[in-house]
Protein backbone atom coordinates (compact mmCIF):
# COMPACT_ATOMS: atom_id res chain seq x y z
CA MET A 1 0.00 0.00 0.00
CA LYS A 2 1.47 3.33 -1.08
CA SER A 3 1.41 6.27 1.28
CA ILE A 4 -1.27 8.93 1.00
CA PRO A 5 -0.01 12.05 -0.80
CA ALA A 6 0.63 14.97 1.55
CA THR A 7 -1.77 17.08 -0.51
CA SER A 8 -4.76 14.82 0.13
CA GLY A 9 -7.78 16.94 0.97
CA LEU A 10 -9.97 17.45 3.97
CA VAL A 11 -12.61 14.77 4.60
CA SER A 12 -15.88 15.87 6.21
CA VAL A 13 -17.42 13.07 8.29
CA ILE A 14 -21.10 13.86 8.89
CA ILE A 15 -22.69 11.98 11.82
CA PRO A 16 -26.36 12.47 12.74
CA VAL A 17 -26.98 11.81 16.44
CA TYR A 18 -30.35 10.95 17.94
CA ASN A 19 -30.63 9.16 21.29
CA THR A 20 -27.60 6.94 20.68
CA SER A 21 -25.85 7.54 23.97
CA ALA A 22 -25.16 3.81 24.35
CA TYR A 23 -23.24 3.69 21.06
CA ILE A 24 -21.79 7.14 20.36
CA ASP A 25 -18.54 6.49 22.22
CA ARG A 26 -17.82 3.44 20.08
CA CYS A 27 -18.58 5.41 16.93
CA LEU A 28 -16.44 8.45 17.77
CA ASP A 29 -13.59 6.32 19.05
CA SER A 30 -13.40 4.72 15.61
CA VAL A 31 -13.46 8.07 13.80
CA THR A 32 -11.01 10.00 15.97
CA LYS A 33 -8.48 7.15 15.75
CA GLN A 34 -8.44 7.12 11.96
CA SER A 35 -4.99 6.79 10.43
CA TYR A 36 -5.96 9.68 8.11
CA ASN A 37 -5.86 12.82 10.21
CA ASN A 38 -7.09 15.55 7.85
CA ILE A 39 -10.75 15.27 8.80
CA GLU A 40 -13.51 17.37 10.29
CA ILE A 41 -16.16 15.52 12.31
CA ILE A 42 -19.59 17.14 12.16
CA LEU A 43 -21.98 15.88 14.83
CA VAL A 44 -25.59 16.86 14.21
CA ASP A 45 -27.58 16.43 17.41
CA ASP A 46 -31.09 15.96 16.03
CA GLY A 47 -33.02 16.80 19.19
CA SER A 48 -31.74 13.98 21.40
CA THR A 49 -33.58 13.48 24.69
CA ASP A 50 -30.98 11.25 26.35
CA ASP A 51 -27.43 12.31 27.25
CA SER A 52 -26.10 12.00 23.67
CA HIS A 53 -25.50 15.77 23.51
CA GLU A 54 -23.42 15.74 26.70
CA LYS A 55 -21.30 12.93 25.29
CA CYS A 56 -20.80 14.88 22.07
CA LEU A 57 -19.63 17.90 24.09
CA SER A 58 -17.21 15.72 26.02
CA TRP A 59 -15.69 14.40 22.80
CA ALA A 60 -15.44 17.91 21.32
CA LYS A 61 -13.37 19.01 24.33
CA LYS A 62 -10.92 16.19 23.61
CA ASP A 63 -10.67 16.64 19.82
CA ASP A 64 -10.83 20.04 18.13
CA ARG A 65 -11.72 18.41 14.79
CA ILE A 66 -15.23 17.84 16.17
CA LYS A 67 -17.97 20.39 15.45
CA ILE A 68 -21.46 20.14 16.96
CA ILE A 69 -24.71 21.30 15.40
CA THR A 70 -27.86 21.24 17.53
CA GLN A 71 -31.34 21.28 16.02
CA GLU A 72 -34.89 20.22 16.76
CA ASN A 73 -35.71 16.65 15.80
CA GLY A 74 -36.23 16.47 12.05
CA GLY A 75 -35.11 12.97 11.19
CA LEU A 76 -32.04 11.43 9.60
CA SER A 77 -32.34 13.28 6.29
CA ALA A 78 -32.68 16.67 7.97
CA ALA A 79 -29.61 15.96 10.11
CA ARG A 80 -27.50 14.93 7.13
CA ASN A 81 -28.66 17.98 5.20
CA ALA A 82 -27.63 20.20 8.11
CA GLY A 83 -24.18 18.63 8.02
CA LEU A 84 -23.90 19.27 4.29
CA ASP A 85 -24.77 22.93 4.86
CA VAL A 86 -21.61 23.52 6.93
CA CYS A 87 -19.09 20.93 5.71
CA LYS A 88 -15.86 22.17 4.12
CA GLY A 89 -14.26 18.95 2.95
CA GLU A 90 -13.01 18.04 -0.49
CA TYR A 91 -14.43 14.63 0.34
CA ILE A 92 -17.69 13.78 2.14
CA GLN A 93 -18.42 10.74 4.28
CA PHE A 94 -21.60 9.82 6.19
CA LEU A 95 -21.63 7.66 9.29
CA ASP A 96 -24.47 6.58 11.58
CA SER A 97 -23.78 7.20 15.25
CA ASP A 98 -24.55 3.62 16.31
CA ASP A 99 -22.08 2.13 13.82
CA LYS A 100 -18.31 2.30 13.52
CA ILE A 101 -15.55 2.18 10.90
CA GLY A 102 -12.20 0.44 10.60
CA GLN A 103 -9.09 2.43 11.50
CA ASP A 104 -7.75 2.67 7.93
CA MET A 105 -11.07 3.24 6.15
CA ILE A 106 -10.65 6.91 5.28
CA LYS A 107 -6.97 6.60 4.37
CA LYS A 108 -7.43 3.67 2.01
CA MET A 109 -10.64 4.96 0.49
CA VAL A 110 -9.20 8.42 -0.24
CA PHE A 111 -6.11 6.80 -1.70
CA ALA A 112 -8.26 4.56 -3.90
CA ILE A 113 -10.17 7.60 -5.21
CA GLU A 114 -7.02 9.59 -5.94
CA GLU A 115 -5.06 6.71 -7.44
CA ASN A 116 -7.90 5.79 -9.81
CA ASN A 117 -9.28 9.28 -10.54
CA ALA A 118 -12.66 8.10 -9.26
CA ASP A 119 -15.66 10.12 -8.13
CA LEU A 120 -16.35 7.90 -5.13
CA ALA A 121 -15.15 4.81 -3.32
CA ALA A 122 -17.26 2.09 -1.68
CA CYS A 123 -16.12 -0.72 0.58
CA ALA A 124 -17.29 -4.09 1.87
CA PHE A 125 -19.09 -4.15 5.22
CA TYR A 126 -20.15 -6.27 8.17
CA ASN A 127 -23.91 -6.61 8.64
CA ILE A 128 -24.08 -7.41 12.35
CA TYR A 129 -27.25 -8.88 13.86
CA GLU A 130 -27.63 -10.03 17.45
CA ASP A 131 -27.32 -13.70 16.44
CA LYS A 132 -25.20 -13.62 13.29
CA THR A 133 -22.86 -11.54 11.17
CA LEU A 134 -23.01 -11.25 7.40
CA LYS A 135 -20.29 -9.88 5.17
CA GLY A 136 -21.36 -7.90 2.11
CA SER A 137 -18.76 -7.81 -0.63
CA MET A 138 -18.15 -7.33 -4.33
CA LYS A 139 -15.26 -7.88 -6.67
CA ALA A 140 -12.66 -5.18 -6.07
CA GLY A 141 -11.94 -2.78 -8.88
CA ILE A 142 -13.17 0.07 -11.06
CA ILE A 143 -16.87 0.46 -11.91
CA ILE A 144 -17.68 2.67 -14.89
CA GLY A 145 -20.70 4.57 -16.18
CA ASN A 146 -24.15 3.01 -15.91
CA ASP A 147 -22.74 0.02 -14.02
CA ILE A 148 -22.22 2.33 -11.04
CA VAL A 149 -25.96 2.97 -10.77
CA LYS A 150 -26.76 -0.69 -11.43
CA SER A 151 -24.44 -1.62 -8.55
CA MET A 152 -26.96 -0.01 -6.19
CA PHE A 153 -28.96 -3.23 -6.40
CA SER A 154 -26.09 -5.49 -5.40
CA PRO A 155 -25.93 -6.43 -1.69
CA GLY A 156 -22.16 -6.05 -1.74
CA PHE A 157 -22.42 -2.40 -2.79
CA PHE A 158 -24.76 -1.66 0.20
CA LEU A 159 -27.73 0.57 -0.54
CA SER A 160 -26.54 3.18 1.90
CA SER A 161 -24.51 6.36 1.87
CA CYS A 162 -22.45 5.18 4.82
CA ASN A 163 -19.86 2.76 3.38
CA LYS A 164 -18.74 5.29 0.79
CA ILE A 165 -16.62 8.40 0.43
CA PHE A 166 -17.65 10.93 -2.21
CA LYS A 167 -15.83 13.72 -3.96
CA ARG A 168 -17.55 16.94 -3.00
CA ASN A 169 -18.26 17.96 -6.60
CA LEU A 170 -20.24 14.77 -7.21
CA LEU A 171 -22.80 15.88 -4.63
CA LEU A 172 -23.43 19.29 -6.17
CA SER A 173 -26.28 20.22 -8.49
CA GLU A 174 -25.85 22.22 -11.69
CA THR A 175 -26.37 25.38 -9.64
CA GLY A 176 -23.56 24.43 -7.25
CA GLN A 177 -25.81 23.50 -4.33
CA PHE A 178 -25.66 20.19 -2.48
CA ILE A 179 -28.22 17.62 -3.60
CA LYS A 180 -30.10 17.03 -0.36
CA PHE A 181 -31.69 13.95 1.19
CA THR A 182 -35.49 13.70 0.91
CA LYS A 183 -37.18 14.01 4.29
CA GLY A 184 -39.84 11.67 5.65
CA LEU A 185 -38.90 8.50 3.76
CA LEU A 186 -37.59 5.12 4.79
CA SER A 187 -34.71 4.23 2.43
CA GLU A 188 -33.91 7.89 1.87
CA ASP A 189 -30.37 6.80 0.97
CA SER A 190 -31.75 4.92 -2.03
CA VAL A 191 -33.42 8.01 -3.47
CA TRP A 192 -30.37 10.18 -2.83
CA LEU A 193 -27.98 7.67 -4.41
CA SER A 194 -30.22 7.36 -7.47
CA GLU A 195 -29.77 11.12 -7.93
CA ILE A 196 -26.04 11.18 -7.21
CA LEU A 197 -24.64 8.08 -8.91
CA PRO A 198 -25.81 8.81 -12.48
CA LYS A 199 -23.41 11.79 -12.37
CA ALA A 200 -20.42 9.58 -11.55
CA LYS A 201 -18.07 8.46 -14.30
CA ARG A 202 -15.80 6.20 -12.25
CA ALA A 203 -16.17 4.47 -8.89
CA ILE A 204 -13.75 2.20 -7.07
CA TYR A 205 -14.81 -0.75 -4.92
CA VAL A 206 -12.47 -1.72 -2.07
CA ASP A 207 -13.18 -5.30 -0.97
CA ILE A 208 -12.22 -4.75 2.66
CA PRO A 209 -15.03 -4.64 5.28
CA PHE A 210 -14.27 -1.24 6.81
CA TYR A 211 -17.89 -0.48 7.77
CA TYR A 212 -19.58 -2.12 10.80
CA TRP A 213 -23.36 -1.89 10.45
CA TYR A 214 -25.00 -2.83 13.76
CA ARG A 215 -28.59 -3.99 13.28
CA ARG A 216 -30.25 -2.88 16.52
CA SER A 217 -33.51 -4.54 17.43
CA ASP A 218 -34.91 -1.22 18.70
CA SER A 219 -34.44 0.52 15.36
CA LEU A 220 -37.12 0.68 12.67
CA THR A 221 -34.80 -0.38 9.87
CA ARG A 222 -32.43 -2.65 11.76
CA GLY A 223 -34.46 -5.32 13.48
CA SER A 224 -35.25 -8.91 12.59
CA GLY A 225 -36.04 -8.18 8.94
CA ALA A 226 -39.76 -8.86 9.37
CA VAL A 227 -41.95 -7.07 6.83
CA ARG A 228 -43.61 -4.04 8.40
CA LEU A 229 -46.80 -2.30 7.32
CA ASP A 230 -46.84 0.77 9.57
CA GLU A 231 -47.02 4.23 8.02
CA ARG A 232 -43.28 4.88 8.25
CA ALA A 233 -42.36 1.52 6.75
CA MET A 234 -44.75 1.99 3.84
CA THR A 235 -42.79 5.05 2.70
CA GLU A 236 -40.20 2.56 1.44
CA ILE A 237 -42.53 2.03 -1.54
CA THR A 238 -42.59 5.76 -2.28
CA ALA A 239 -38.80 5.83 -2.06
CA PHE A 240 -38.31 3.04 -4.59
CA GLU A 241 -40.91 4.48 -6.91
CA LYS A 242 -38.69 7.58 -7.00
CA VAL A 243 -35.60 5.39 -7.48
CA ALA A 244 -37.20 3.61 -10.45
CA LYS A 245 -38.16 6.95 -11.98
CA ASN A 246 -34.59 8.22 -11.67
CA CYS A 247 -33.13 4.97 -13.03
CA LYS A 248 -35.39 5.06 -16.09
CA LYS A 249 -33.31 8.00 -17.31
CA VAL A 250 -30.09 5.97 -17.05
CA GLY A 251 -30.74 2.87 -19.16
CA ASP A 252 -32.97 -0.16 -19.67
CA ASP A 253 -30.82 -2.57 -17.63
CA VAL A 254 -30.67 -0.17 -14.68
CA TYR A 255 -34.41 0.46 -14.93
CA GLU A 256 -35.03 -3.30 -14.87
CA ALA A 257 -32.91 -3.67 -11.73
CA ALA A 258 -34.77 -0.83 -10.00
CA ASN A 259 -38.17 -2.25 -10.92
CA LYS A 260 -37.07 -5.66 -9.70
CA ARG A 261 -36.30 -4.21 -6.27
CA LEU A 262 -39.62 -2.31 -6.24
CA PHE A 263 -41.48 -5.47 -7.24
CA VAL A 264 -39.87 -7.48 -4.43
CA ILE A 265 -40.72 -4.82 -1.84
CA LEU A 266 -44.33 -4.67 -3.03
CA LYS A 267 -44.85 -8.43 -3.09
CA GLN A 268 -43.36 -8.85 0.40
CA LYS A 269 -45.71 -6.20 1.78
CA LEU A 270 -48.65 -7.63 -0.18
CA PHE A 271 -48.23 -11.09 1.34
CA ALA A 272 -47.88 -9.51 4.79
CA ALA A 273 -51.12 -7.61 4.16
CA TYR A 274 -52.83 -10.86 3.13
CA ARG A 275 -51.69 -12.46 6.39
CA GLU A 276 -53.00 -9.47 8.33
CA LYS A 277 -56.31 -9.76 6.39
CA ASP A 278 -56.11 -6.07 5.52
CA LYS A 279 -58.39 -5.93 2.47
CA LYS A 280 -57.94 -2.22 1.80
CA LEU A 281 -54.15 -2.47 1.80
CA THR A 282 -54.09 -5.64 -0.32
CA LYS A 283 -56.21 -3.85 -2.91
CA GLU A 284 -53.85 -0.85 -2.96
CA LEU A 285 -50.74 -3.03 -3.21
CA ASN A 286 -52.22 -5.21 -5.94
CA MET A 287 -52.87 -2.07 -7.99
CA LYS A 288 -49.28 -0.88 -7.51
CA ILE A 289 -47.90 -4.30 -8.48
CA LYS A 290 -50.10 -4.33 -11.57
CA ASN A 291 -48.57 -1.02 -12.65
CA VAL A 292 -45.02 -2.17 -11.90
CA LEU A 293 -45.44 -5.38 -13.89
CA LYS A 294 -46.36 -3.26 -16.91
CA GLU A 295 -42.82 -1.85 -16.73
CA TYR A 296 -40.85 -4.72 -15.17
CA LYS A 297 -39.97 -7.19 -17.91
CA PRO A 298 -37.38 -9.63 -16.50
CA SER A 299 -34.65 -10.49 -18.98
CA ASN A 300 -33.43 -13.70 -17.34
CA LYS A 301 -35.09 -17.04 -16.69
CA VAL A 302 -34.79 -17.00 -12.90
CA ASP A 303 -36.51 -13.63 -12.52
CA LYS A 304 -39.25 -14.64 -14.94
CA ILE A 305 -39.94 -17.70 -12.81
CA VAL A 306 -40.02 -15.52 -9.67
CA VAL A 307 -42.82 -13.46 -11.24
CA ILE A 308 -44.73 -16.63 -12.16
CA LYS A 309 -44.27 -17.95 -8.61
CA PHE A 310 -45.57 -14.66 -7.23
CA LYS A 311 -48.75 -14.88 -9.28
CA PHE A 312 -49.30 -18.45 -8.08
CA MET A 313 -48.78 -17.46 -4.43
CA ARG A 314 -51.13 -14.51 -4.79
CA LEU A 315 -53.79 -16.86 -6.16
CA LEU A 316 -53.38 -19.11 -3.11
CA TYR A 317 -53.81 -16.18 -0.74
CA ARG A 318 -56.92 -15.05 -2.60
CA MET A 319 -58.31 -18.55 -2.07
CA ASN A 320 -57.51 -18.25 1.66
CA ILE A 321 -54.82 -20.92 1.38
CA ASN A 322 -51.72 -20.35 3.49
CA ALA A 323 -48.96 -19.81 0.93
CA GLU A 324 -46.08 -19.71 3.41
CA GLY A 325 -44.79 -23.08 2.26
CA PHE A 326 -44.28 -21.63 -1.19
CA ALA A 327 -42.44 -18.53 -0.06
CA LEU A 328 -38.92 -19.73 -0.90
CA PHE A 329 -38.32 -20.49 -4.53
CA SER A 330 -34.69 -21.33 -3.83
CA LYS A 331 -32.01 -20.71 -1.22
CA ARG A 332 -30.41 -18.17 -3.53
CA PRO A 333 -31.06 -14.62 -2.31
CA GLU A 334 -32.99 -12.52 -4.80
CA PHE A 335 -30.39 -9.81 -5.10
CA VAL A 336 -27.10 -11.70 -5.12
CA THR A 337 -25.47 -10.99 -8.46
CA ARG A 338 -22.31 -12.20 -10.06
CA ASP A 339 -19.23 -10.79 -8.33
CA SER A 340 -21.25 -9.83 -5.24
CA SER A 341 -22.38 -11.69 -2.15
CA MET A 342 -23.82 -11.49 1.34
CA GLU A 343 -22.26 -14.40 3.16
CA GLU A 344 -22.70 -15.44 6.77
CA LEU A 345 -19.44 -15.54 8.67
CA LYS A 346 -18.55 -18.77 10.39
CA GLU A 347 -18.55 -18.77 14.17
CA LYS A 348 -14.78 -18.63 14.31
CA LYS A 349 -14.72 -15.50 12.15
CA GLN A 350 -17.61 -13.90 14.01
CA GLN A 351 -15.53 -13.83 17.18
CA LYS A 352 -13.26 -11.29 15.51
CA VAL A 353 -16.14 -8.87 14.96
CA PRO A 354 -16.83 -6.70 18.06
CA ARG A 355 -20.31 -7.18 19.44
CA LEU A 356 -22.63 -4.75 21.19
């Protein structure tokens, strides 16, 4: 590994904080101990009601690279947008306050961007549940053009802003303003990435799991993975409708991948609605799926069979037959693609991954 050039630019690390007192020390310990020192750490206290703010103040006294913004609770997107409003870095990184990063993440990711003249770098990650740890990874190397956007739908790329470092210019609109996160949506990262990535010409994937994503059971998006139908969770559909619309402008293969993800989200929620015997919701979801299937035309045999299987399962539910036994077409995850994977670490390897 070559050394980082002395001229490497400032990296702004934007960290929204909301009632994560139990985890913020772990997060900030990992950031302040980075082997790349030219960073500013922007903590956005989004109206915390625990002692998160006091812990942020304590860290700021110890490290003058830390800046604190305090605002009323507005959600994750509002907090990230507030960080963008004040950041000064040549590079931008987002980090959730209940996660952490490996010590060399920033150094190696910045080096990868500079060495390859890339617009952003992404890395592998640990997906850490209470009972297991998965590793998301892709083949290391350069990703070019439309393939960057298509990579959004690979589990190894991670549909999040947090395992990536972006050049500042990539995040700016034609008028020179930051492209902001949409408020009030689950999967807001997906919408934002679908606006950012089409502008990128080159990306670099670093197949080292620098990002530790802790799946807390008390978090809306990080629990057991059960399909949820509450109002907040249903905004995931709105998010991926926006993603599909943005991807349609990129190319047919990218549009197909986006519609595939939207179709999977809709069918999962539809079957959950059938199980809940929510007739109004099943009607609404069936209408949305009907519209998506007008656009989603799978190009490979496996995906075509998945659509046929869905129609068969939906028929069973309509006949009040429990279709749970038909839920798994195969053991192959629906979004594992060539050169990408989400593999479960063996017990011996798991012991090397710090737990909560």
